Amino acid sequence: MKHLFVLAAATLISAPAFADGHLDAETIEKIEAMLASIECQMDPDDIEVEDDGYDLDDVICKGGNQFDIKLDKDLNEVSRRAE
């Protein structure tokens, strides 16, 4: 029984970013890499975890344009709104 508890605890600790509403470092790195590929950047503190993905607030892109971008759970851009 003790081994089952340890296994369950380890699974929860290693669960994806959605488990507790907080982002893990790996997910932040993936989001930052995706943004860099489209010549954008943002403060990681402005990434919000949602049930269906991520809401990126105050994303600054090449040319100085600012956007709010929504990503699905697989980090695909779902929408972009200029601010």
PDB file of N, CA and C in Angstrom:
ATOM      1  N   MET A   1       0.824  -1.193   0.000  1.00  0.00           N
ATOM      2  CA  MET A   1       0.000   0.000   0.000  1.00  0.00           C
ATOM      3  C   MET A   1       0.866   1.254   0.000  1.00  0.00           C
ATOM      4  N   LYS A   2       1.958   1.221   0.759  1.00  0.00           N
ATOM      5  CA  LYS A   2       2.849   2.372   0.811  1.00  0.00           C
ATOM      6  C   LYS A   2       3.431   2.666  -0.569  1.00  0.00           C
ATOM      7  N   HIS A   3       3.771   1.631  -1.320  1.00  0.00           N
ATOM      8  CA  HIS A   3       4.329   1.820  -2.663  1.00  0.00           C
ATOM      9  C   HIS A   3       3.303   2.461  -3.592  1.00  0.00           C
ATOM     10  N   LEU A   4       2.053   2.095  -3.428  1.00  0.00           N
ATOM     11  CA  LEU A   4       0.991   2.681  -4.247  1.00  0.00           C
ATOM     12  C   LEU A   4       0.868   4.167  -3.951  1.00  0.00           C
ATOM     13  N   PHE A   5       0.949   4.551  -2.690  1.00  0.00           N
ATOM     14  CA  PHE A   5       0.868   5.963  -2.306  1.00  0.00           C
ATOM     15  C   PHE A   5       2.039   6.746  -2.900  1.00  0.00           C
ATOM     16  N   VAL A   6       3.234   6.192  -2.820  1.00  0.00           N
ATOM     17  CA  VAL A   6       4.417   6.858  -3.364  1.00  0.00           C
ATOM     18  C   VAL A   6       4.274   7.013  -4.874  1.00  0.00           C
ATOM     19  N   LEU A   7       3.788   5.992  -5.551  1.00  0.00           N
ATOM     20  CA  LEU A   7       3.592   6.062  -6.991  1.00  0.00           C
ATOM     21  C   LEU A   7       2.547   7.124  -7.346  1.00  0.00           C
ATOM     22  N   ALA A   8       1.465   7.184  -6.611  1.00  0.00           N
ATOM     23  CA  ALA A   8       0.422   8.184  -6.858  1.00  0.00           C
ATOM     24  C   ALA A   8       0.957   9.588  -6.625  1.00  0.00           C
ATOM     25  N   ALA A   9       1.723   9.778  -5.574  1.00  0.00           N
ATOM     26  CA  ALA A   9       2.304  11.089  -5.286  1.00  0.00           C
ATOM     27  C   ALA A   9       3.280  11.502  -6.378  1.00  0.00           C
ATOM     28  N   ALA A  10       4.094  10.581  -6.841  1.00  0.00           N
ATOM     29  CA  ALA A  10       5.061  10.890  -7.901  1.00  0.00           C
ATOM     30  C   ALA A  10       4.342  11.259  -9.193  1.00  0.00           C
ATOM     31  N   THR A  11       3.240  10.595  -9.464  1.00  0.00           N
ATOM     32  CA  THR A  11       2.462  10.907 -10.666  1.00  0.00           C
ATOM     33  C   THR A  11       1.896  12.311 -10.584  1.00  0.00           C
ATOM     34  N   LEU A  12       1.384  12.696  -9.450  1.00  0.00           N
ATOM     35  CA  LEU A  12       0.836  14.040  -9.284  1.00  0.00           C
ATOM     36  C   LEU A  12       1.910  15.104  -9.404  1.00  0.00           C
ATOM     37  N   ILE A  13       3.073  14.836  -8.861  1.00  0.00           N
ATOM     38  CA  ILE A  13       4.167  15.804  -8.906  1.00  0.00           C
ATOM     39  C   ILE A  13       4.643  16.002 -10.337  1.00  0.00           C
ATOM     40  N   SER A  14       4.657  14.932 -11.131  1.00  0.00           N
ATOM     41  CA  SER A  14       5.159  15.032 -12.493  1.00  0.00           C
ATOM     42  C   SER A  14       4.059  15.307 -13.517  1.00  0.00           C
ATOM     43  N   ALA A  15       2.844  15.550 -13.064  1.00  0.00           N
ATOM     44  CA  ALA A  15       1.721  15.796 -13.967  1.00  0.00           C
ATOM     45  C   ALA A  15       1.946  17.078 -14.755  1.00  0.00           C
ATOM     46  N   PRO A  16       1.268  17.220 -15.889  1.00  0.00           N
ATOM     47  CA  PRO A  16       1.435  18.418 -16.716  1.00  0.00           C
ATOM     48  C   PRO A  16       0.961  19.682 -16.019  1.00  0.00           C
ATOM     49  N   ALA A  17       1.195  20.797 -16.676  1.00  0.00           N
ATOM     50  CA  ALA A  17       0.922  22.105 -16.098  1.00  0.00           C
ATOM     51  C   ALA A  17      -0.515  22.291 -15.657  1.00  0.00           C
ATOM     52  N   PHE A  18      -1.457  21.550 -16.193  1.00  0.00           N
ATOM     53  CA  PHE A  18      -2.859  21.752 -15.874  1.00  0.00           C
ATOM     54  C   PHE A  18      -3.254  21.221 -14.506  1.00  0.00           C
ATOM     55  N   ALA A  19      -2.444  20.386 -13.908  1.00  0.00           N
ATOM     56  CA  ALA A  19      -2.830  19.730 -12.671  1.00  0.00           C
ATOM     57  C   ALA A  19      -3.171  20.710 -11.562  1.00  0.00           C
ATOM     58  N   ASP A  20      -2.396  21.756 -11.388  1.00  0.00           N
ATOM     59  CA  ASP A  20      -2.636  22.666 -10.273  1.00  0.00           C
ATOM     60  C   ASP A  20      -2.788  24.113 -10.707  1.00  0.00           C
ATOM     61  N   GLY A  21      -2.869  24.356 -12.002  1.00  0.00           N
ATOM     62  CA  GLY A  21      -3.026  25.723 -12.485  1.00  0.00           C
ATOM     63  C   GLY A  21      -1.722  26.489 -12.580  1.00  0.00           C
ATOM     64  N   HIS A  22      -0.616  25.850 -12.269  1.00  0.00           N
ATOM     65  CA  HIS A  22       0.691  26.497 -12.352  1.00  0.00           C
ATOM     66  C   HIS A  22       1.491  25.877 -13.485  1.00  0.00           C
ATOM     67  N   LEU A  23       2.380  26.661 -14.040  1.00  0.00           N
ATOM     68  CA  LEU A  23       3.208  26.187 -15.140  1.00  0.00           C
ATOM     69  C   LEU A  23       4.510  25.594 -14.646  1.00  0.00           C
ATOM     70  N   ASP A  24       4.939  24.526 -15.293  1.00  0.00           N
ATOM     71  CA  ASP A  24       6.259  23.987 -14.998  1.00  0.00           C
ATOM     72  C   ASP A  24       7.274  24.639 -15.940  1.00  0.00           C
ATOM     73  N   ALA A  25       8.533  24.542 -15.592  1.00  0.00           N
ATOM     74  CA  ALA A  25       9.603  25.200 -16.358  1.00  0.00           C
ATOM     75  C   ALA A  25       9.649  24.705 -17.800  1.00  0.00           C
ATOM     76  N   GLU A  26       9.402  23.437 -18.023  1.00  0.00           N
ATOM     77  CA  GLU A  26       9.442  22.876 -19.373  1.00  0.00           C
ATOM     78  C   GLU A  26       8.359  23.503 -20.261  1.00  0.00           C
ATOM     79  N   THR A  27       7.163  23.679 -19.728  1.00  0.00           N
ATOM     80  CA  THR A  27       6.075  24.287 -20.502  1.00  0.00           C
ATOM     81  C   THR A  27       6.390  25.741 -20.808  1.00  0.00           C
ATOM     82  N   ILE A  28       6.936  26.456 -19.840  1.00  0.00           N
ATOM     83  CA  ILE A  28       7.321  27.851 -20.067  1.00  0.00           C
ATOM     84  C   ILE A  28       8.358  27.926 -21.191  1.00  0.00           C
ATOM     85  N   GLU A  29       9.349  27.045 -21.160  1.00  0.00           N
ATOM     86  CA  GLU A  29      10.382  27.027 -22.206  1.00  0.00           C
ATOM     87  C   GLU A  29       9.782  26.750 -23.581  1.00  0.00           C
ATOM     88  N   LYS A  30       8.824  25.828 -23.644  1.00  0.00           N
ATOM     89  CA  LYS A  30       8.182  25.508 -24.919  1.00  0.00           C
ATOM     90  C   LYS A  30       7.387  26.705 -25.441  1.00  0.00           C
ATOM     91  N   ILE A  31       6.680  27.395 -24.554  1.00  0.00           N
ATOM     92  CA  ILE A  31       5.913  28.575 -24.964  1.00  0.00           C
ATOM     93  C   ILE A  31       6.861  29.671 -25.434  1.00  0.00           C
ATOM     94  N   GLU A  32       7.940  29.888 -24.700  1.00  0.00           N
ATOM     95  CA  GLU A  32       8.913  30.916 -25.109  1.00  0.00           C
ATOM     96  C   GLU A  32       9.548  30.573 -26.457  1.00  0.00           C
ATOM     97  N   ALA A  33       9.833  29.306 -26.706  1.00  0.00           N
ATOM     98  CA  ALA A  33      10.406  28.889 -27.988  1.00  0.00           C
ATOM     99  C   ALA A  33       9.401  29.097 -29.120  1.00  0.00           C
ATOM    100  N   MET A  34       8.133  28.779 -28.867  1.00  0.00           N
ATOM    101  CA  MET A  34       7.099  28.987 -29.872  1.00  0.00           C
ATOM    102  C   MET A  34       6.987  30.474 -30.196  1.00  0.00           C
ATOM    103  N   LEU A  35       7.010  31.324 -29.160  1.00  0.00           N
ATOM    104  CA  LEU A  35       6.930  32.766 -29.373  1.00  0.00           C
ATOM    105  C   LEU A  35       8.146  33.276 -30.148  1.00  0.00           C
ATOM    106  N   ALA A  36       9.325  32.790 -29.816  1.00  0.00           N
ATOM    107  CA  ALA A  36      10.537  33.206 -30.520  1.00  0.00           C
ATOM    108  C   ALA A  36      10.454  32.839 -32.002  1.00  0.00           C
ATOM    109  N   SER A  37       9.830  31.716 -32.303  1.00  0.00           N
ATOM    110  CA  SER A  37       9.716  31.290 -33.699  1.00  0.00           C
ATOM    111  C   SER A  37       8.823  32.226 -34.515  1.00  0.00           C
ATOM    112  N   ILE A  38       7.942  32.961 -33.852  1.00  0.00           N
ATOM    113  CA  ILE A  38       7.098  33.942 -34.555  1.00  0.00           C
ATOM    114  C   ILE A  38       7.537  35.371 -34.225  1.00  0.00           C
ATOM    115  N   GLU A  39       8.775  35.487 -33.728  1.00  0.00           N
ATOM    116  CA  GLU A  39       9.416  36.769 -33.412  1.00  0.00           C
ATOM    117  C   GLU A  39       8.622  37.583 -32.393  1.00  0.00           C
ATOM    118  N   CYS A  40       8.218  36.897 -31.319  1.00  0.00           N
ATOM    119  CA  CYS A  40       7.498  37.531 -30.219  1.00  0.00           C
ATOM    120  C   CYS A  40       8.138  37.125 -28.899  1.00  0.00           C
ATOM    121  N   GLN A  41       7.818  37.887 -27.866  1.00  0.00           N
ATOM    122  CA  GLN A  41       8.297  37.567 -26.527  1.00  0.00           C
ATOM    123  C   GLN A  41       7.317  38.118 -25.505  1.00  0.00           C
ATOM    124  N   MET A  42       7.462  37.653 -24.273  1.00  0.00           N
ATOM    125  CA  MET A  42       6.594  38.112 -23.200  1.00  0.00           C
ATOM    126  C   MET A  42       7.195  37.733 -21.854  1.00  0.00           C
ATOM    127  N   ASP A  43       6.644  38.315 -20.805  1.00  0.00           N
ATOM    128  CA  ASP A  43       7.022  37.963 -19.445  1.00  0.00           C
ATOM    129  C   ASP A  43       6.286  36.670 -19.082  1.00  0.00           C
ATOM    130  N   PRO A  44       6.992  35.611 -18.686  1.00  0.00           N
ATOM    131  CA  PRO A  44       6.328  34.349 -18.336  1.00  0.00           C
ATOM    132  C   PRO A  44       5.282  34.496 -17.236  1.00  0.00           C
ATOM    133  N   ASP A  45       5.386  35.539 -16.418  1.00  0.00           N
ATOM    134  CA  ASP A  45       4.385  35.761 -15.378  1.00  0.00           C
ATOM    135  C   ASP A  45       3.019  36.104 -15.966  1.00  0.00           C
ATOM    136  N   ASP A  46       2.971  36.464 -17.253  1.00  0.00           N
ATOM    137  CA  ASP A  46       1.719  36.814 -17.918  1.00  0.00           C
ATOM    138  C   ASP A  46       1.093  35.636 -18.663  1.00  0.00           C
ATOM    139  N   ILE A  47       1.556  34.421 -18.385  1.00  0.00           N
ATOM    140  CA  ILE A  47       0.961  33.213 -18.964  1.00  0.00           C
ATOM    141  C   ILE A  47      -0.061  32.696 -17.967  1.00  0.00           C
ATOM    142  N   GLU A  48      -1.300  32.558 -18.420  1.00  0.00           N
ATOM    143  CA  GLU A  48      -2.366  32.041 -17.569  1.00  0.00           C
ATOM    144  C   GLU A  48      -2.793  30.670 -18.071  1.00  0.00           C
ATOM    145  N   VAL A  49      -2.884  29.726 -17.143  1.00  0.00           N
ATOM    146  CA  VAL A  49      -3.346  28.380 -17.472  1.00  0.00           C
ATOM    147  C   VAL A  49      -4.871  28.390 -17.465  1.00  0.00           C
ATOM    148  N   GLU A  50      -5.465  27.889 -18.538  1.00  0.00           N
ATOM    149  CA  GLU A  50      -6.914  27.764 -18.639  1.00  0.00           C
ATOM    150  C   GLU A  50      -7.263  26.303 -18.854  1.00  0.00           C
ATOM    151  N   ASP A  51      -8.534  25.963 -18.742  1.00  0.00           N
ATOM    152  CA  ASP A  51      -8.959  24.566 -18.909  1.00  0.00           C
ATOM    153  C   ASP A  51      -8.591  24.004 -20.275  1.00  0.00           C
ATOM    154  N   ASP A  52      -8.670  24.846 -21.301  1.00  0.00           N
ATOM    155  CA  ASP A  52      -8.451  24.359 -22.658  1.00  0.00           C
ATOM    156  C   ASP A  52      -7.109  24.776 -23.250  1.00  0.00           C
ATOM    157  N   GLY A  53      -6.243  25.391 -22.453  1.00  0.00           N
ATOM    158  CA  GLY A  53      -4.938  25.802 -22.965  1.00  0.00           C
ATOM    159  C   GLY A  53      -4.314  26.909 -22.146  1.00  0.00           C
ATOM    160  N   TYR A  54      -3.783  27.912 -22.838  1.00  0.00           N
ATOM    161  CA  TYR A  54      -3.055  28.992 -22.183  1.00  0.00           C
ATOM    162  C   TYR A  54      -3.485  30.335 -22.758  1.00  0.00           C
ATOM    163  N   ASP A  55      -3.532  31.339 -21.908  1.00  0.00           N
ATOM    164  CA  ASP A  55      -3.814  32.706 -22.319  1.00  0.00           C
ATOM    165  C   ASP A  55      -2.540  33.504 -22.091  1.00  0.00           C
ATOM    166  N   LEU A  56      -1.983  34.039 -23.174  1.00  0.00           N
ATOM    167  CA  LEU A  56      -0.745  34.806 -23.101  1.00  0.00           C
ATOM    168  C   LEU A  56      -1.088  36.288 -23.196  1.00  0.00           C
ATOM    169  N   ASP A  57      -0.867  37.025 -22.133  1.00  0.00           N
ATOM    170  CA  ASP A  57      -1.180  38.446 -22.091  1.00  0.00           C
ATOM    171  C   ASP A  57       0.060  39.280 -22.394  1.00  0.00           C
ATOM    172  N   ASP A  58      -0.154  40.376 -23.085  1.00  0.00           N
ATOM    173  CA  ASP A  58       0.901  41.357 -23.339  1.00  0.00           C
ATOM    174  C   ASP A  58       2.101  40.770 -24.077  1.00  0.00           C
ATOM    175  N   VAL A  59       1.822  40.051 -25.141  1.00  0.00           N
ATOM    176  CA  VAL A  59       2.872  39.505 -26.005  1.00  0.00           C
ATOM    177  C   VAL A  59       3.338  40.616 -26.940  1.00  0.00           C
ATOM    178  N   ILE A  60       4.635  40.879 -26.963  1.00  0.00           N
ATOM    179  CA  ILE A  60       5.211  41.903 -27.833  1.00  0.00           C
ATOM    180  C   ILE A  60       5.877  41.198 -29.013  1.00  0.00           C
ATOM    181  N   CYS A  61       5.475  41.599 -30.213  1.00  0.00           N
ATOM    182  CA  CYS A  61       6.011  40.983 -31.422  1.00  0.00           C
ATOM    183  C   CYS A  61       6.860  41.976 -32.202  1.00  0.00           C
ATOM    184  N   LYS A  62       7.603  41.447 -33.180  1.00  0.00           N
ATOM    185  CA  LYS A  62       8.472  42.263 -34.013  1.00  0.00           C
ATOM    186  C   LYS A  62       7.685  43.464 -34.537  1.00  0.00           C
ATOM    187  N   GLY A  63       8.299  44.616 -34.474  1.00  0.00           N
ATOM    188  CA  GLY A  63       7.631  45.839 -34.892  1.00  0.00           C
ATOM    189  C   GLY A  63       6.957  46.565 -33.741  1.00  0.00           C
ATOM    190  N   GLY A  64       6.971  45.953 -32.554  1.00  0.00           N
ATOM    191  CA  GLY A  64       6.410  46.600 -31.375  1.00  0.00           C
ATOM    192  C   GLY A  64       4.928  46.381 -31.160  1.00  0.00           C
ATOM    193  N   ASN A  65       4.288  45.574 -32.004  1.00  0.00           N
ATOM    194  CA  ASN A  65       2.859  45.307 -31.825  1.00  0.00           C
ATOM    195  C   ASN A  65       2.637  44.424 -30.606  1.00  0.00           C
ATOM    196  N   GLN A  66       1.553  44.688 -29.875  1.00  0.00           N
ATOM    197  CA  GLN A  66       1.241  43.934 -28.662  1.00  0.00           C
ATOM    198  C   GLN A  66      -0.055  43.162 -28.857  1.00  0.00           C
ATOM    199  N   PHE A  67      -0.060  41.910 -28.389  1.00  0.00           N
ATOM    200  CA  PHE A  67      -1.211  41.025 -28.578  1.00  0.00           C
ATOM    201  C   PHE A  67      -1.516  40.240 -27.317  1.00  0.00           C
ATOM    202  N   ASP A  68      -2.750  39.756 -27.240  1.00  0.00           N
ATOM    203  CA  ASP A  68      -3.127  38.677 -26.343  1.00  0.00           C
ATOM    204  C   ASP A  68      -3.298  37.467 -27.242  1.00  0.00           C
ATOM    205  N   ILE A  69      -2.619  36.370 -26.903  1.00  0.00           N
ATOM    206  CA  ILE A  69      -2.655  35.166 -27.735  1.00  0.00           C
ATOM    207  C   ILE A  69      -3.170  34.009 -26.894  1.00  0.00           C
ATOM    208  N   LYS A  70      -4.061  33.229 -27.480  1.00  0.00           N
ATOM    209  CA  LYS A  70      -4.548  32.021 -26.826  1.00  0.00           C
ATOM    210  C   LYS A  70      -3.935  30.811 -27.524  1.00  0.00           C
ATOM    211  N   LEU A  71      -3.482  29.845 -26.708  1.00  0.00           N
ATOM    212  CA  LEU A  71      -2.921  28.592 -27.206  1.00  0.00           C
ATOM    213  C   LEU A  71      -3.766  27.437 -26.700  1.00  0.00           C
ATOM    214  N   ASP A  72      -3.852  26.367 -27.488  1.00  0.00           N
ATOM    215  CA  ASP A  72      -4.507  25.168 -26.988  1.00  0.00           C
ATOM    216  C   ASP A  72      -3.508  24.385 -26.129  1.00  0.00           C
ATOM    217  N   LYS A  73      -3.916  23.241 -25.634  1.00  0.00           N
ATOM    218  CA  LYS A  73      -3.059  22.440 -24.757  1.00  0.00           C
ATOM    219  C   LYS A  73      -1.786  21.967 -25.442  1.00  0.00           C
ATOM    220  N   ASP A  74      -1.813  21.902 -26.792  1.00  0.00           N
ATOM    221  CA  ASP A  74      -0.639  21.458 -27.554  1.00  0.00           C
ATOM    222  C   ASP A  74       0.207  22.631 -28.030  1.00  0.00           C
ATOM    223  N   LEU A  75      -0.069  23.819 -27.513  1.00  0.00           N
ATOM    224  CA  LEU A  75       0.648  25.056 -27.813  1.00  0.00           C
ATOM    225  C   LEU A  75       0.448  25.538 -29.252  1.00  0.00           C
ATOM    226  N   ASN A  76      -0.680  25.200 -29.826  1.00  0.00           N
ATOM    227  CA  ASN A  76      -1.050  25.732 -31.134  1.00  0.00           C
ATOM    228  C   ASN A  76      -1.822  27.027 -30.917  1.00  0.00           C
ATOM    229  N   GLU A  77      -1.509  28.046 -31.711  1.00  0.00           N
ATOM    230  CA  GLU A  77      -2.204  29.319 -31.590  1.00  0.00           C
ATOM    231  C   GLU A  77      -3.666  29.154 -32.028  1.00  0.00           C
ATOM    232  N   VAL A  78      -4.565  29.573 -31.146  1.00  0.00           N
ATOM    233  CA  VAL A  78      -5.993  29.476 -31.409  1.00  0.00           C
ATOM    234  C   VAL A  78      -6.553  30.832 -31.806  1.00  0.00           C
ATOM    235  N   SER A  79      -6.061  31.890 -31.156  1.00  0.00           N
ATOM    236  CA  SER A  79      -6.525  33.244 -31.492  1.00  0.00           C
ATOM    237  C   SER A  79      -5.466  34.262 -31.094  1.00  0.00           C
ATOM    238  N   ARG A  80      -5.594  35.442 -31.727  1.00  0.00           N
ATOM    239  CA  ARG A  80      -4.680  36.540 -31.445  1.00  0.00           C
ATOM    240  C   ARG A  80      -5.501  37.829 -31.524  1.00  0.00           C
ATOM    241  N   ARG A  81      -5.385  38.629 -30.481  1.00  0.00           N
ATOM    242  CA  ARG A  81      -6.123  39.886 -30.437  1.00  0.00           C
ATOM    243  C   ARG A  81      -5.145  41.019 -30.178  1.00  0.00           C
ATOM    244  N   ALA A  82      -5.159  42.034 -31.040  1.00  0.00           N
ATOM    245  CA  ALA A  82      -4.281  43.185 -30.870  1.00  0.00           C
ATOM    246  C   ALA A  82      -4.742  44.002 -29.669  1.00  0.00           C
ATOM    247  N   GLU A  83      -3.781  44.564 -28.972  1.00  0.00           N
ATOM    248  CA  GLU A  83      -4.105  45.424 -27.830  1.00  0.00           C
ATOM    249  C   GLU A  83      -3.839  46.858 -28.197  1.00  0.00           C
TER     250      GLU A  83
END
